[in-house]
Amino acid sequence: QVHLVESGGGVVQAGDSLTLSCAASGRTLSSYAMGWFRQAPGKEREFVASISWNSVTTHYADFVKGRFTISRDNAKDTVILQMNSLKPEDTAVYYCAAHGSPLRIGIRDEDFGFWGQGTQVTVSS
């Protein structure tokens, strides 16, 4: 059983930065793509970024391109989402997810088989 735990959320002002971390336990995820999604109040969960198992390929939602960076450390089974130039519209619960199939990468909700509990990010104007 895979267990994903996010950390690093908080309350910041517009223009600030935050670094989210996701730690995996229970099984190594070094062969699996990882992703970040978010869900704002009253909205559906949406894709933010994903990274392939070997860090060669990354995907970003248009609304975070140039501001957010996803990275991973397979030796530590962790995934990082560096968020810069935060905006109030980035306020949401951010979820870490592991792809359901090894060696594949995706951007759809249904591509990911394991999810963390989420961490709240609040950006004030």
C-alpha atoms as a PDB file:
ATOM      1  CA  GLN A   1       0.000   0.000   0.000  1.00  0.00           C
ATOM      2  CA  VAL A   2       1.337   3.410  -0.980  1.00  0.00           C
ATOM      3  CA  HIS A   3       1.061   6.252   1.486  1.00  0.00           C
ATOM      4  CA  LEU A   4       1.590   9.826   0.273  1.00  0.00           C
ATOM      5  CA  VAL A   5       1.936  12.728   2.679  1.00  0.00           C
ATOM      6  CA  GLU A   6       2.027  16.336   1.553  1.00  0.00           C
ATOM      7  CA  SER A   7       3.554  19.162   3.548  1.00  0.00           C
ATOM      8  CA  GLY A   8       4.542  22.781   3.120  1.00  0.00           C
ATOM      9  CA  GLY A   9       1.185  24.424   2.690  1.00  0.00           C
ATOM     10  CA  GLY A  10       0.300  27.627   4.464  1.00  0.00           C
ATOM     11  CA  VAL A  11      -0.953  31.178   4.222  1.00  0.00           C
ATOM     12  CA  VAL A  12       1.080  33.610   2.127  1.00  0.00           C
ATOM     13  CA  GLN A  13       0.613  36.900   0.347  1.00  0.00           C
ATOM     14  CA  ALA A  14       0.346  37.394  -3.384  1.00  0.00           C
ATOM     15  CA  GLY A  15       3.763  37.306  -4.971  1.00  0.00           C
ATOM     16  CA  ASP A  16       5.256  35.051  -2.308  1.00  0.00           C
ATOM     17  CA  SER A  17       6.657  31.569  -2.774  1.00  0.00           C
ATOM     18  CA  LEU A  18       5.911  28.204  -1.197  1.00  0.00           C
ATOM     19  CA  THR A  19       7.489  24.801  -1.525  1.00  0.00           C
ATOM     20  CA  LEU A  20       5.271  21.764  -1.269  1.00  0.00           C
ATOM     21  CA  SER A  21       6.733  18.360  -0.532  1.00  0.00           C
ATOM     22  CA  CYS A  22       5.283  14.914  -0.957  1.00  0.00           C
ATOM     23  CA  ALA A  23       6.818  11.960   0.826  1.00  0.00           C
ATOM     24  CA  ALA A  24       5.979   8.427  -0.220  1.00  0.00           C
ATOM     25  CA  SER A  25       6.112   5.364   1.966  1.00  0.00           C
ATOM     26  CA  GLY A  26       5.005   1.787   1.805  1.00  0.00           C
ATOM     27  CA  ARG A  27       6.455   1.187  -1.628  1.00  0.00           C
ATOM     28  CA  THR A  28       9.094   2.878  -3.703  1.00  0.00           C
ATOM     29  CA  LEU A  29       7.675   5.074  -6.430  1.00  0.00           C
ATOM     30  CA  SER A  30      10.883   5.542  -8.361  1.00  0.00           C
ATOM     31  CA  SER A  31       9.323   3.862 -11.422  1.00  0.00           C
ATOM     32  CA  TYR A  32       6.122   5.898 -11.328  1.00  0.00           C
ATOM     33  CA  ALA A  33       5.264   9.328 -12.620  1.00  0.00           C
ATOM     34  CA  MET A  34       4.128  11.735  -9.924  1.00  0.00           C
ATOM     35  CA  GLY A  35       1.772  14.633 -10.101  1.00  0.00           C
ATOM     36  CA  TRP A  36       0.250  17.542  -8.269  1.00  0.00           C
ATOM     37  CA  PHE A  37      -3.402  18.490  -8.480  1.00  0.00           C
ATOM     38  CA  ARG A  38      -5.429  21.108  -6.683  1.00  0.00           C
ATOM     39  CA  GLN A  39      -9.004  21.740  -5.704  1.00  0.00           C
ATOM     40  CA  ALA A  40     -10.397  25.142  -4.863  1.00  0.00           C
ATOM     41  CA  PRO A  41     -13.637  25.559  -2.902  1.00  0.00           C
ATOM     42  CA  GLY A  42     -16.633  24.864  -5.084  1.00  0.00           C
ATOM     43  CA  LYS A  43     -14.500  23.700  -8.004  1.00  0.00           C
ATOM     44  CA  GLU A  44     -13.422  20.362  -9.404  1.00  0.00           C
ATOM     45  CA  ARG A  45      -9.959  19.026  -8.819  1.00  0.00           C
ATOM     46  CA  GLU A  46      -7.590  20.122 -11.564  1.00  0.00           C
ATOM     47  CA  PHE A  47      -4.186  19.114 -12.847  1.00  0.00           C
ATOM     48  CA  VAL A  48      -1.212  21.273 -11.878  1.00  0.00           C
ATOM     49  CA  ALA A  49       1.974  19.442 -12.867  1.00  0.00           C
ATOM     50  CA  SER A  50       3.425  15.993 -13.394  1.00  0.00           C
ATOM     51  CA  ILE A  51       6.887  14.511 -13.742  1.00  0.00           C
ATOM     52  CA  SER A  52       8.017  11.240 -15.269  1.00  0.00           C
ATOM     53  CA  TRP A  53       9.712   8.540 -13.238  1.00  0.00           C
ATOM     54  CA  ASN A  54      13.163   9.629 -14.476  1.00  0.00           C
ATOM     55  CA  SER A  55      12.483  13.405 -14.389  1.00  0.00           C
ATOM     56  CA  VAL A  56      12.997  13.642 -18.157  1.00  0.00           C
ATOM     57  CA  THR A  57       9.441  14.740 -18.910  1.00  0.00           C
ATOM     58  CA  THR A  58       7.321  17.298 -17.117  1.00  0.00           C
ATOM     59  CA  HIS A  59       3.876  18.673 -17.840  1.00  0.00           C
ATOM     60  CA  TYR A  60       2.328  21.847 -16.482  1.00  0.00           C
ATOM     61  CA  ALA A  61      -1.087  23.387 -16.573  1.00  0.00           C
ATOM     62  CA  ASP A  62      -1.058  26.622 -18.531  1.00  0.00           C
ATOM     63  CA  PHE A  63      -1.982  28.661 -15.498  1.00  0.00           C
ATOM     64  CA  VAL A  64       1.232  27.687 -13.647  1.00  0.00           C
ATOM     65  CA  LYS A  65       3.754  27.644 -16.470  1.00  0.00           C
ATOM     66  CA  GLY A  66       6.720  29.817 -15.626  1.00  0.00           C
ATOM     67  CA  ARG A  67       5.718  30.058 -11.970  1.00  0.00           C
ATOM     68  CA  PHE A  68       5.700  26.473 -10.644  1.00  0.00           C
ATOM     69  CA  THR A  69       8.384  23.815 -10.939  1.00  0.00           C
ATOM     70  CA  ILE A  70       7.982  20.129 -10.191  1.00  0.00           C
ATOM     71  CA  SER A  71      10.957  17.972  -9.281  1.00  0.00           C
ATOM     72  CA  ARG A  72      11.639  14.671  -7.579  1.00  0.00           C
ATOM     73  CA  ASP A  73      14.279  12.820  -5.633  1.00  0.00           C
ATOM     74  CA  ASN A  74      13.887   9.101  -6.189  1.00  0.00           C
ATOM     75  CA  ALA A  75      16.484   8.250  -3.584  1.00  0.00           C
ATOM     76  CA  LYS A  76      14.270   9.899  -0.986  1.00  0.00           C
ATOM     77  CA  ASP A  77      10.919   9.034  -2.597  1.00  0.00           C
ATOM     78  CA  THR A  78       9.899  12.676  -2.526  1.00  0.00           C
ATOM     79  CA  VAL A  79       8.332  15.068  -4.987  1.00  0.00           C
ATOM     80  CA  ILE A  80       8.596  18.819  -4.743  1.00  0.00           C
ATOM     81  CA  LEU A  81       6.384  21.562  -6.135  1.00  0.00           C
ATOM     82  CA  GLN A  82       8.114  24.918  -6.032  1.00  0.00           C
ATOM     83  CA  MET A  83       5.530  27.660  -6.351  1.00  0.00           C
ATOM     84  CA  ASN A  84       6.629  31.200  -7.098  1.00  0.00           C
ATOM     85  CA  SER A  85       4.717  34.402  -7.799  1.00  0.00           C
ATOM     86  CA  LEU A  86       1.647  33.043  -6.096  1.00  0.00           C
ATOM     87  CA  LYS A  87      -1.724  34.547  -6.872  1.00  0.00           C
ATOM     88  CA  PRO A  88      -4.967  34.561  -4.873  1.00  0.00           C
ATOM     89  CA  GLU A  89      -6.454  32.237  -7.502  1.00  0.00           C
ATOM     90  CA  ASP A  90      -3.839  29.637  -6.545  1.00  0.00           C
ATOM     91  CA  THR A  91      -5.678  29.183  -3.255  1.00  0.00           C
ATOM     92  CA  ALA A  92      -6.671  25.526  -3.029  1.00  0.00           C
ATOM     93  CA  VAL A  93      -5.969  22.206  -1.411  1.00  0.00           C
ATOM     94  CA  TYR A  94      -2.987  20.704  -3.212  1.00  0.00           C
ATOM     95  CA  TYR A  95      -2.791  16.948  -3.659  1.00  0.00           C
ATOM     96  CA  CYS A  96       0.160  14.753  -4.481  1.00  0.00           C
ATOM     97  CA  ALA A  97      -0.544  11.705  -6.619  1.00  0.00           C
ATOM     98  CA  ALA A  98       1.284   8.698  -8.005  1.00  0.00           C
ATOM     99  CA  HIS A  99       0.530   7.337 -11.461  1.00  0.00           C
ATOM    100  CA  GLY A 100      -1.321   4.068 -11.536  1.00  0.00           C
ATOM    101  CA  SER A 101       1.068   2.419 -14.003  1.00  0.00           C
ATOM    102  CA  PRO A 102       4.862   2.292 -13.935  1.00  0.00           C
ATOM    103  CA  LEU A 103       6.931   4.184 -16.521  1.00  0.00           C
ATOM    104  CA  ARG A 104       3.931   6.135 -17.849  1.00  0.00           C
ATOM    105  CA  ILE A 105       3.094   9.795 -17.372  1.00  0.00           C
ATOM    106  CA  GLY A 106      -0.252  11.509 -17.499  1.00  0.00           C
ATOM    107  CA  ILE A 107      -2.191  14.625 -16.680  1.00  0.00           C
ATOM    108  CA  ARG A 108      -5.657  13.225 -16.093  1.00  0.00           C
ATOM    109  CA  ASP A 109      -7.151  12.552 -12.721  1.00  0.00           C
ATOM    110  CA  GLU A 110      -7.910   8.987 -13.680  1.00  0.00           C
ATOM    111  CA  ASP A 111      -4.283   8.299 -14.641  1.00  0.00           C
ATOM    112  CA  PHE A 112      -3.243   8.471 -11.003  1.00  0.00           C
ATOM    113  CA  GLY A 113      -3.933   5.615  -8.646  1.00  0.00           C
ATOM    114  CA  PHE A 114      -2.636   6.864  -5.304  1.00  0.00           C
ATOM    115  CA  TRP A 115      -3.418  10.137  -3.586  1.00  0.00           C
ATOM    116  CA  GLY A 116      -2.327  12.032  -0.535  1.00  0.00           C
ATOM    117  CA  GLN A 117      -4.666  13.801   1.868  1.00  0.00           C
ATOM    118  CA  GLY A 118      -3.807  17.246   0.605  1.00  0.00           C
ATOM    119  CA  THR A 119      -2.284  20.413   2.006  1.00  0.00           C
ATOM    120  CA  GLN A 120      -3.988  23.791   2.103  1.00  0.00           C
ATOM    121  CA  VAL A 121      -2.447  26.736   0.287  1.00  0.00           C
ATOM    122  CA  THR A 122      -4.024  30.126   0.867  1.00  0.00           C
ATOM    123  CA  VAL A 123      -2.825  33.202  -0.984  1.00  0.00           C
ATOM    124  CA  SER A 124      -4.104  36.545   0.219  1.00  0.00           C
ATOM    125  CA  SER A 125      -4.216  39.650  -1.940  1.00  0.00           C
END
